[in-house]
């Protein structure tokens, strides 16, 4: 009989936010944000922060802009793909 060792869940990563901004939301969007935050079990501000971060990253990708850390990763993958293959 094989017994699987249960793995403990990964520890939650804390996101440190240093700057506050003020955002106006419609009543409908606020209600949806609050509902989502309750389902996820995190504060509405955390959900909003993550959503904004994802939106900014998506826009950066679509505009061809990468942050310095992502750009260095992209350069490494381009160098690897630029190498001639053994079949060439």
PDB file of N, CA and C in Angstrom:
ATOM      1  N   UNK A   1       0.838  -1.182   0.000  1.00  0.00           N
ATOM      2  CA  UNK A   1       0.000   0.000   0.000  1.00  0.00           C
ATOM      3  C   UNK A   1       0.886   1.249   0.000  1.00  0.00           C
ATOM      4  N   UNK A   2       0.562   2.172  -0.885  1.00  0.00           N
ATOM      5  CA  UNK A   2       1.326   3.414  -0.988  1.00  0.00           C
ATOM      6  C   UNK A   2       0.585   4.494  -0.222  1.00  0.00           C
ATOM      7  N   UNK A   3       1.299   5.143   0.661  1.00  0.00           N
ATOM      8  CA  UNK A   3       0.702   6.228   1.428  1.00  0.00           C
ATOM      9  C   UNK A   3       1.285   7.536   0.948  1.00  0.00           C
ATOM     10  N   UNK A   4       0.414   8.421   0.504  1.00  0.00           N
ATOM     11  CA  UNK A   4       0.870   9.729   0.047  1.00  0.00           C
ATOM     12  C   UNK A   4       1.050  10.630   1.251  1.00  0.00           C
ATOM     13  N   UNK A   5       2.167  11.286   1.269  1.00  0.00           N
ATOM     14  CA  UNK A   5       2.425  12.247   2.329  1.00  0.00           C
ATOM     15  C   UNK A   5       1.738  13.552   1.951  1.00  0.00           C
ATOM     16  N   UNK A   6       0.871  14.011   2.813  1.00  0.00           N
ATOM     17  CA  UNK A   6       0.169  15.252   2.480  1.00  0.00           C
ATOM     18  C   UNK A   6       1.132  16.416   2.595  1.00  0.00           C
ATOM     19  N   UNK A   7       1.104  17.229   1.590  1.00  0.00           N
ATOM     20  CA  UNK A   7       1.978  18.398   1.625  1.00  0.00           C
ATOM     21  C   UNK A   7       1.210  19.556   2.232  1.00  0.00           C
ATOM     22  N   UNK A   8       1.904  20.301   3.048  1.00  0.00           N
ATOM     23  CA  UNK A   8       1.252  21.451   3.661  1.00  0.00           C
ATOM     24  C   UNK A   8       1.144  22.552   2.620  1.00  0.00           C
ATOM     25  N   UNK A   9       0.095  23.353   2.718  1.00  0.00           N
ATOM     26  CA  UNK A   9      -0.063  24.429   1.736  1.00  0.00           C
ATOM     27  C   UNK A   9       1.078  25.428   1.839  1.00  0.00           C
ATOM     28  N   UNK A  10       1.382  26.051   0.729  1.00  0.00           N
ATOM     29  CA  UNK A  10       2.445  27.057   0.713  1.00  0.00           C
ATOM     30  C   UNK A  10       2.044  28.217   1.608  1.00  0.00           C
ATOM     31  N   UNK A  11       3.007  28.784   2.313  1.00  0.00           N
ATOM     32  CA  UNK A  11       2.671  29.922   3.175  1.00  0.00           C
ATOM     33  C   UNK A  11       2.200  31.096   2.336  1.00  0.00           C
ATOM     34  N   UNK A  12       1.283  31.862   2.878  1.00  0.00           N
ATOM     35  CA  UNK A  12       0.777  33.028   2.157  1.00  0.00           C
ATOM     36  C   UNK A  12       1.867  34.069   2.036  1.00  0.00           C
ATOM     37  N   UNK A  13       1.933  34.644   0.867  1.00  0.00           N
ATOM     38  CA  UNK A  13       2.904  35.702   0.643  1.00  0.00           C
ATOM     39  C   UNK A  13       2.255  37.024   1.027  1.00  0.00           C
ATOM     40  N   UNK A  14       2.940  37.796   1.821  1.00  0.00           N
ATOM     41  CA  UNK A  14       2.425  39.105   2.200  1.00  0.00           C
ATOM     42  C   UNK A  14       2.792  40.120   1.132  1.00  0.00           C
ATOM     43  N   UNK A  15       1.819  40.889   0.757  1.00  0.00           N
ATOM     44  CA  UNK A  15       2.054  41.946  -0.216  1.00  0.00           C
ATOM     45  C   UNK A  15       2.113  43.256   0.555  1.00  0.00           C
ATOM     46  N   UNK A  16       3.252  43.896   0.476  1.00  0.00           N
ATOM     47  CA  UNK A  16       3.430  45.138   1.209  1.00  0.00           C
ATOM     48  C   UNK A  16       3.101  46.312   0.293  1.00  0.00           C
ATOM     49  N   UNK A  17       2.080  47.038   0.677  1.00  0.00           N
ATOM     50  CA  UNK A  17       1.679  48.210  -0.099  1.00  0.00           C
ATOM     51  C   UNK A  17       2.114  49.450   0.672  1.00  0.00           C
ATOM     52  N   UNK A  18       2.875  50.306   0.023  1.00  0.00           N
ATOM     53  CA  UNK A  18       3.429  51.460   0.702  1.00  0.00           C
ATOM     54  C   UNK A  18       2.690  52.760   0.400  1.00  0.00           C
ATOM     55  N   UNK A  19       1.958  52.797  -0.689  1.00  0.00           N
ATOM     56  CA  UNK A  19       1.305  54.035  -1.109  1.00  0.00           C
ATOM     57  C   UNK A  19      -0.190  53.815  -1.243  1.00  0.00           C
ATOM     58  N   UNK A  20      -0.944  54.794  -0.796  1.00  0.00           N
ATOM     59  CA  UNK A  20      -2.396  54.720  -0.914  1.00  0.00           C
ATOM     60  C   UNK A  20      -2.849  55.650  -2.031  1.00  0.00           C
ATOM     61  N   UNK A  21      -3.908  55.227  -2.729  1.00  0.00           N
ATOM     62  CA  UNK A  21      -4.552  56.096  -3.702  1.00  0.00           C
ATOM     63  C   UNK A  21      -6.050  56.080  -3.413  1.00  0.00           C
ATOM     64  N   UNK A  22      -6.716  57.095  -3.862  1.00  0.00           N
ATOM     65  CA  UNK A  22      -8.157  57.164  -3.678  1.00  0.00           C
ATOM     66  C   UNK A  22      -8.820  56.872  -5.017  1.00  0.00           C
ATOM     67  N   UNK A  23      -9.761  55.919  -5.009  1.00  0.00           N
ATOM     68  CA  UNK A  23     -10.441  55.518  -6.227  1.00  0.00           C
ATOM     69  C   UNK A  23     -11.943  55.591  -5.993  1.00  0.00           C
ATOM     70  N   UNK A  24     -12.662  56.149  -6.933  1.00  0.00           N
ATOM     71  CA  UNK A  24     -14.116  56.199  -6.855  1.00  0.00           C
ATOM     72  C   UNK A  24     -14.689  55.056  -7.678  1.00  0.00           C
ATOM     73  N   UNK A  25     -15.583  54.290  -7.068  1.00  0.00           N
ATOM     74  CA  UNK A  25     -16.217  53.157  -7.733  1.00  0.00           C
ATOM     75  C   UNK A  25     -17.720  53.353  -7.741  1.00  0.00           C
ATOM     76  N   UNK A  26     -18.362  52.805  -8.756  1.00  0.00           N
ATOM     77  CA  UNK A  26     -19.826  52.821  -8.749  1.00  0.00           C
ATOM     78  C   UNK A  26     -20.297  51.870  -7.650  1.00  0.00           C
ATOM     79  N   UNK A  27     -21.534  52.057  -7.215  1.00  0.00           N
ATOM     80  CA  UNK A  27     -22.087  51.180  -6.184  1.00  0.00           C
ATOM     81  C   UNK A  27     -22.061  49.724  -6.630  1.00  0.00           C
ATOM     82  N   UNK A  28     -22.322  49.487  -7.914  1.00  0.00           N
ATOM     83  CA  UNK A  28     -22.348  48.119  -8.442  1.00  0.00           C
ATOM     84  C   UNK A  28     -20.968  47.469  -8.373  1.00  0.00           C
ATOM     85  N   UNK A  29     -19.937  48.209  -8.809  1.00  0.00           N
ATOM     86  CA  UNK A  29     -18.578  47.647  -8.793  1.00  0.00           C
ATOM     87  C   UNK A  29     -18.121  47.420  -7.357  1.00  0.00           C
ATOM     88  N   UNK A  30     -18.432  48.349  -6.463  1.00  0.00           N
ATOM     89  CA  UNK A  30     -18.061  48.172  -5.058  1.00  0.00           C
ATOM     90  C   UNK A  30     -18.721  46.928  -4.476  1.00  0.00           C
ATOM     91  N   UNK A  31     -20.001  46.721  -4.767  1.00  0.00           N
ATOM     92  CA  UNK A  31     -20.703  45.538  -4.258  1.00  0.00           C
ATOM     93  C   UNK A  31     -20.068  44.258  -4.805  1.00  0.00           C
ATOM     94  N   UNK A  32     -19.701  44.265  -6.069  1.00  0.00           N
ATOM     95  CA  UNK A  32     -19.054  43.088  -6.671  1.00  0.00           C
ATOM     96  C   UNK A  32     -17.677  42.846  -6.053  1.00  0.00           C
ATOM     97  N   UNK A  33     -16.949  43.925  -5.800  1.00  0.00           N
ATOM     98  CA  UNK A  33     -15.628  43.821  -5.176  1.00  0.00           C
ATOM     99  C   UNK A  33     -15.741  43.245  -3.768  1.00  0.00           C
ATOM    100  N   UNK A  34     -16.692  43.732  -3.005  1.00  0.00           N
ATOM    101  CA  UNK A  34     -16.900  43.246  -1.642  1.00  0.00           C
ATOM    102  C   UNK A  34     -17.316  41.772  -1.656  1.00  0.00           C
ATOM    103  N   UNK A  35     -18.219  41.414  -2.553  1.00  0.00           N
ATOM    104  CA  UNK A  35     -18.651  40.009  -2.659  1.00  0.00           C
ATOM    105  C   UNK A  35     -17.465  39.108  -2.987  1.00  0.00           C
ATOM    106  N   UNK A  36     -16.662  39.521  -3.954  1.00  0.00           N
ATOM    107  CA  UNK A  36     -15.493  38.739  -4.337  1.00  0.00           C
ATOM    108  C   UNK A  36     -14.505  38.622  -3.176  1.00  0.00           C
ATOM    109  N   UNK A  37     -14.270  39.708  -2.478  1.00  0.00           N
ATOM    110  CA  UNK A  37     -13.326  39.674  -1.363  1.00  0.00           C
ATOM    111  C   UNK A  37     -13.818  38.746  -0.254  1.00  0.00           C
ATOM    112  N   UNK A  38     -15.117  38.724  -0.027  1.00  0.00           N
ATOM    113  CA  UNK A  38     -15.671  37.818   0.979  1.00  0.00           C
ATOM    114  C   UNK A  38     -15.521  36.365   0.552  1.00  0.00           C
ATOM    115  N   UNK A  39     -15.736  36.089  -0.731  1.00  0.00           N
ATOM    116  CA  UNK A  39     -15.567  34.725  -1.241  1.00  0.00           C
ATOM    117  C   UNK A  39     -14.122  34.260  -1.129  1.00  0.00           C
ATOM    118  N   UNK A  40     -13.192  35.171  -1.371  1.00  0.00           N
ATOM    119  CA  UNK A  40     -11.770  34.844  -1.314  1.00  0.00           C
ATOM    120  C   UNK A  40     -11.211  34.898   0.103  1.00  0.00           C
ATOM    121  N   UNK A  41     -11.926  35.547   0.992  1.00  0.00           N
ATOM    122  CA  UNK A  41     -11.469  35.657   2.380  1.00  0.00           C
ATOM    123  C   UNK A  41     -10.327  36.636   2.577  1.00  0.00           C
ATOM    124  N   UNK A  42     -10.294  37.664   1.746  1.00  0.00           N
ATOM    125  CA  UNK A  42      -9.260  38.695   1.871  1.00  0.00           C
ATOM    126  C   UNK A  42      -9.937  40.060   1.829  1.00  0.00           C
ATOM    127  N   UNK A  43      -9.272  41.085   2.336  1.00  0.00           N
ATOM    128  CA  UNK A  43      -9.877  42.423   2.304  1.00  0.00           C
ATOM    129  C   UNK A  43     -10.114  42.914   0.873  1.00  0.00           C
ATOM    130  N   UNK A  44     -11.128  43.745   0.729  1.00  0.00           N
ATOM    131  CA  UNK A  44     -11.456  44.304  -0.579  1.00  0.00           C
ATOM    132  C   UNK A  44     -10.278  45.096  -1.152  1.00  0.00           C
ATOM    133  N   UNK A  45      -9.531  45.772  -0.300  1.00  0.00           N
ATOM    134  CA  UNK A  45      -8.359  46.517  -0.755  1.00  0.00           C
ATOM    135  C   UNK A  45      -7.311  45.618  -1.380  1.00  0.00           C
ATOM    136  N   UNK A  46      -7.161  44.412  -0.849  1.00  0.00           N
ATOM    137  CA  UNK A  46      -6.202  43.455  -1.404  1.00  0.00           C
ATOM    138  C   UNK A  46      -6.650  42.997  -2.784  1.00  0.00           C
ATOM    139  N   UNK A  47      -7.938  42.706  -2.925  1.00  0.00           N
ATOM    140  CA  UNK A  47      -8.469  42.297  -4.231  1.00  0.00           C
ATOM    141  C   UNK A  47      -8.282  43.431  -5.238  1.00  0.00           C
ATOM    142  N   UNK A  48      -8.575  44.650  -4.825  1.00  0.00           N
ATOM    143  CA  UNK A  48      -8.420  45.805  -5.718  1.00  0.00           C
ATOM    144  C   UNK A  48      -6.953  45.991  -6.110  1.00  0.00           C
ATOM    145  N   UNK A  49      -6.047  45.857  -5.148  1.00  0.00           N
ATOM    146  CA  UNK A  49      -4.622  46.011  -5.425  1.00  0.00           C
ATOM    147  C   UNK A  49      -4.130  44.959  -6.413  1.00  0.00           C
ATOM    148  N   UNK A  50      -4.542  43.719  -6.211  1.00  0.00           N
ATOM    149  CA  UNK A  50      -4.154  42.645  -7.127  1.00  0.00           C
ATOM    150  C   UNK A  50      -4.728  42.884  -8.524  1.00  0.00           C
ATOM    151  N   UNK A  51      -5.982  43.312  -8.579  1.00  0.00           N
ATOM    152  CA  UNK A  51      -6.624  43.567  -9.876  1.00  0.00           C
ATOM    153  C   UNK A  51      -5.905  44.692 -10.617  1.00  0.00           C
ATOM    154  N   UNK A  52      -5.538  45.742  -9.919  1.00  0.00           N
ATOM    155  CA  UNK A  52      -4.826  46.851 -10.553  1.00  0.00           C
ATOM    156  C   UNK A  52      -3.456  46.389 -11.031  1.00  0.00           C
ATOM    157  N   UNK A  53      -2.767  45.606 -10.208  1.00  0.00           N
ATOM    158  CA  UNK A  53      -1.462  45.089 -10.602  1.00  0.00           C
ATOM    159  C   UNK A  53      -1.541  44.224 -11.847  1.00  0.00           C
ATOM    160  N   UNK A  54      -2.568  43.366 -11.921  1.00  0.00           N
ATOM    161  CA  UNK A  54      -2.748  42.521 -13.103  1.00  0.00           C
ATOM    162  C   UNK A  54      -3.061  43.359 -14.336  1.00  0.00           C
ATOM    163  N   UNK A  55      -3.891  44.375 -14.176  1.00  0.00           N
ATOM    164  CA  UNK A  55      -4.248  45.246 -15.298  1.00  0.00           C
ATOM    165  C   UNK A  55      -3.009  45.988 -15.818  1.00  0.00           C
ATOM    166  N   UNK A  56      -2.214  46.529 -14.904  1.00  0.00           N
ATOM    167  CA  UNK A  56      -1.012  47.266 -15.300  1.00  0.00           C
ATOM    168  C   UNK A  56      -0.052  46.335 -16.043  1.00  0.00           C
ATOM    169  N   UNK A  57       0.159  45.126 -15.528  1.00  0.00           N
ATOM    170  CA  UNK A  57       1.049  44.159 -16.191  1.00  0.00           C
ATOM    171  C   UNK A  57       0.534  43.809 -17.585  1.00  0.00           C
ATOM    172  N   UNK A  58      -0.775  43.632 -17.716  1.00  0.00           N
ATOM    173  CA  UNK A  58      -1.373  43.312 -19.023  1.00  0.00           C
ATOM    174  C   UNK A  58      -1.147  44.459 -20.014  1.00  0.00           C
ATOM    175  N   UNK A  59      -1.339  45.683 -19.553  1.00  0.00           N
ATOM    176  CA  UNK A  59      -1.141  46.840 -20.429  1.00  0.00           C
ATOM    177  C   UNK A  59       0.324  46.979 -20.824  1.00  0.00           C
ATOM    178  N   UNK A  60       1.217  46.734 -19.872  1.00  0.00           N
ATOM    179  CA  UNK A  60       2.649  46.799 -20.187  1.00  0.00           C
ATOM    180  C   UNK A  60       3.015  45.776 -21.258  1.00  0.00           C
ATOM    181  N   UNK A  61       2.479  44.557 -21.118  1.00  0.00           N
ATOM    182  CA  UNK A  61       2.757  43.527 -22.124  1.00  0.00           C
ATOM    183  C   UNK A  61       2.204  43.921 -23.485  1.00  0.00           C
ATOM    184  N   UNK A  62       0.991  44.444 -23.507  1.00  0.00           N
ATOM    185  CA  UNK A  62       0.380  44.788 -24.794  1.00  0.00           C
ATOM    186  C   UNK A  62       1.078  45.973 -25.456  1.00  0.00           C
ATOM    187  N   UNK A  63       1.690  46.829 -24.660  1.00  0.00           N
ATOM    188  CA  UNK A  63       2.414  47.974 -25.213  1.00  0.00           C
ATOM    189  C   UNK A  63       3.882  47.658 -25.455  1.00  0.00           C
ATOM    190  N   UNK A  64       4.310  46.454 -25.116  1.00  0.00           N
ATOM    191  CA  UNK A  64       5.689  46.062 -25.331  1.00  0.00           C
ATOM    192  C   UNK A  64       6.646  46.590 -24.290  1.00  0.00           C
ATOM    193  N   UNK A  65       6.118  47.026 -23.149  1.00  0.00           N
ATOM    194  CA  UNK A  65       6.949  47.547 -22.076  1.00  0.00           C
ATOM    195  C   UNK A  65       7.064  46.490 -21.002  1.00  0.00           C
ATOM    196  N   UNK A  66       8.288  46.243 -20.542  1.00  0.00           N
ATOM    197  CA  UNK A  66       8.498  45.302 -19.445  1.00  0.00           C
ATOM    198  C   UNK A  66       9.292  45.997 -18.355  1.00  0.00           C
ATOM    199  N   UNK A  67       8.994  45.649 -17.114  1.00  0.00           N
ATOM    200  CA  UNK A  67       9.774  46.195 -16.013  1.00  0.00           C
ATOM    201  C   UNK A  67      11.195  45.641 -16.114  1.00  0.00           C
ATOM    202  N   UNK A  68      12.182  46.289 -15.492  1.00  0.00           N
ATOM    203  CA  UNK A  68      13.568  45.829 -15.608  1.00  0.00           C
ATOM    204  C   UNK A  68      13.764  44.356 -15.226  1.00  0.00           C
ATOM    205  N   UNK A  69      13.103  43.887 -14.179  1.00  0.00           N
ATOM    206  CA  UNK A  69      13.295  42.487 -13.776  1.00  0.00           C
ATOM    207  C   UNK A  69      12.699  41.540 -14.808  1.00  0.00           C
ATOM    208  N   UNK A  70      11.535  41.863 -15.342  1.00  0.00           N
ATOM    209  CA  UNK A  70      10.941  41.020 -16.374  1.00  0.00           C
ATOM    210  C   UNK A  70      11.709  41.133 -17.678  1.00  0.00           C
ATOM    211  N   UNK A  71      12.238  42.309 -17.948  1.00  0.00           N
ATOM    212  CA  UNK A  71      12.992  42.508 -19.172  1.00  0.00           C
ATOM    213  C   UNK A  71      14.244  41.633 -19.176  1.00  0.00           C
ATOM    214  N   UNK A  72      14.926  41.513 -18.029  1.00  0.00           N
ATOM    215  CA  UNK A  72      16.126  40.686 -17.981  1.00  0.00           C
ATOM    216  C   UNK A  72      15.777  39.220 -18.195  1.00  0.00           C
ATOM    217  N   UNK A  73      14.628  38.788 -17.693  1.00  0.00           N
ATOM    218  CA  UNK A  73      14.188  37.417 -17.938  1.00  0.00           C
ATOM    219  C   UNK A  73      13.873  37.217 -19.411  1.00  0.00           C
ATOM    220  N   UNK A  74      13.250  38.183 -20.012  1.00  0.00           N
ATOM    221  CA  UNK A  74      12.913  38.103 -21.430  1.00  0.00           C
ATOM    222  C   UNK A  74      14.160  38.071 -22.296  1.00  0.00           C
ATOM    223  N   UNK A  75      15.161  38.837 -21.921  1.00  0.00           N
ATOM    224  CA  UNK A  75      16.409  38.838 -22.681  1.00  0.00           C
ATOM    225  C   UNK A  75      17.063  37.471 -22.619  1.00  0.00           C
ATOM    226  N   UNK A  76      17.020  36.818 -21.459  1.00  0.00           N
ATOM    227  CA  UNK A  76      17.626  35.493 -21.321  1.00  0.00           C
ATOM    228  C   UNK A  76      16.907  34.497 -22.209  1.00  0.00           C
ATOM    229  N   UNK A  77      15.578  34.558 -22.253  1.00  0.00           N
ATOM    230  CA  UNK A  77      14.847  33.598 -23.075  1.00  0.00           C
ATOM    231  C   UNK A  77      15.072  33.871 -24.559  1.00  0.00           C
ATOM    232  N   UNK A  78      15.237  35.139 -24.954  1.00  0.00           N
ATOM    233  CA  UNK A  78      15.510  35.453 -26.354  1.00  0.00           C
ATOM    234  C   UNK A  78      16.888  34.958 -26.753  1.00  0.00           C
ATOM    235  N   UNK A  79      17.882  35.072 -25.845  1.00  0.00           N
ATOM    236  CA  UNK A  79      19.220  34.586 -26.147  1.00  0.00           C
ATOM    237  C   UNK A  79      19.186  33.081 -26.364  1.00  0.00           C
ATOM    238  N   UNK A  80      18.443  32.371 -25.527  1.00  0.00           N
ATOM    239  CA  UNK A  80      18.346  30.924 -25.662  1.00  0.00           C
ATOM    240  C   UNK A  80      17.660  30.545 -26.963  1.00  0.00           C
ATOM    241  N   UNK A  81      16.632  31.277 -27.360  1.00  0.00           N
ATOM    242  CA  UNK A  81      15.909  30.937 -28.586  1.00  0.00           C
ATOM    243  C   UNK A  81      16.683  31.354 -29.823  1.00  0.00           C
ATOM    244  N   UNK A  82      17.662  32.257 -29.688  1.00  0.00           N
ATOM    245  CA  UNK A  82      18.438  32.711 -30.821  1.00  0.00           C
ATOM    246  C   UNK A  82      19.570  31.746 -31.174  1.00  0.00           C
ATOM    247  N   UNK A  83      19.880  30.813 -30.278  1.00  0.00           N
ATOM    248  CA  UNK A  83      20.937  29.848 -30.542  1.00  0.00           C
ATOM    249  C   UNK A  83      20.527  28.927 -31.668  1.00  0.00           C
ATOM    250  N   UNK A  84      21.435  28.615 -32.572  1.00  0.00           N
ATOM    251  CA  UNK A  84      21.081  27.693 -33.658  1.00  0.00           C
ATOM    252  C   UNK A  84      20.853  26.301 -33.089  1.00  0.00           C
ATOM    253  N   UNK A  85      19.868  25.632 -33.617  1.00  0.00           N
ATOM    254  CA  UNK A  85      19.577  24.275 -33.143  1.00  0.00           C
ATOM    255  C   UNK A  85      20.528  23.291 -33.788  1.00  0.00           C
ATOM    256  N   UNK A  86      20.646  22.100 -33.210  1.00  0.00           N
ATOM    257  CA  UNK A  86      21.543  21.078 -33.706  1.00  0.00           C
ATOM    258  C   UNK A  86      21.122  20.616 -35.105  1.00  0.00           C
ATOM    259  N   UNK A  87      19.843  20.752 -35.429  1.00  0.00           N
ATOM    260  CA  UNK A  87      19.343  20.284 -36.731  1.00  0.00           C
ATOM    261  C   UNK A  87      19.585  21.302 -37.836  1.00  0.00           C
ATOM    262  N   UNK A  88      20.040  22.547 -37.504  1.00  0.00           N
ATOM    263  CA  UNK A  88      20.251  23.587 -38.521  1.00  0.00           C
ATOM    264  C   UNK A  88      21.536  23.385 -39.253  1.00  0.00           C
TER     265      UNK A  88
END
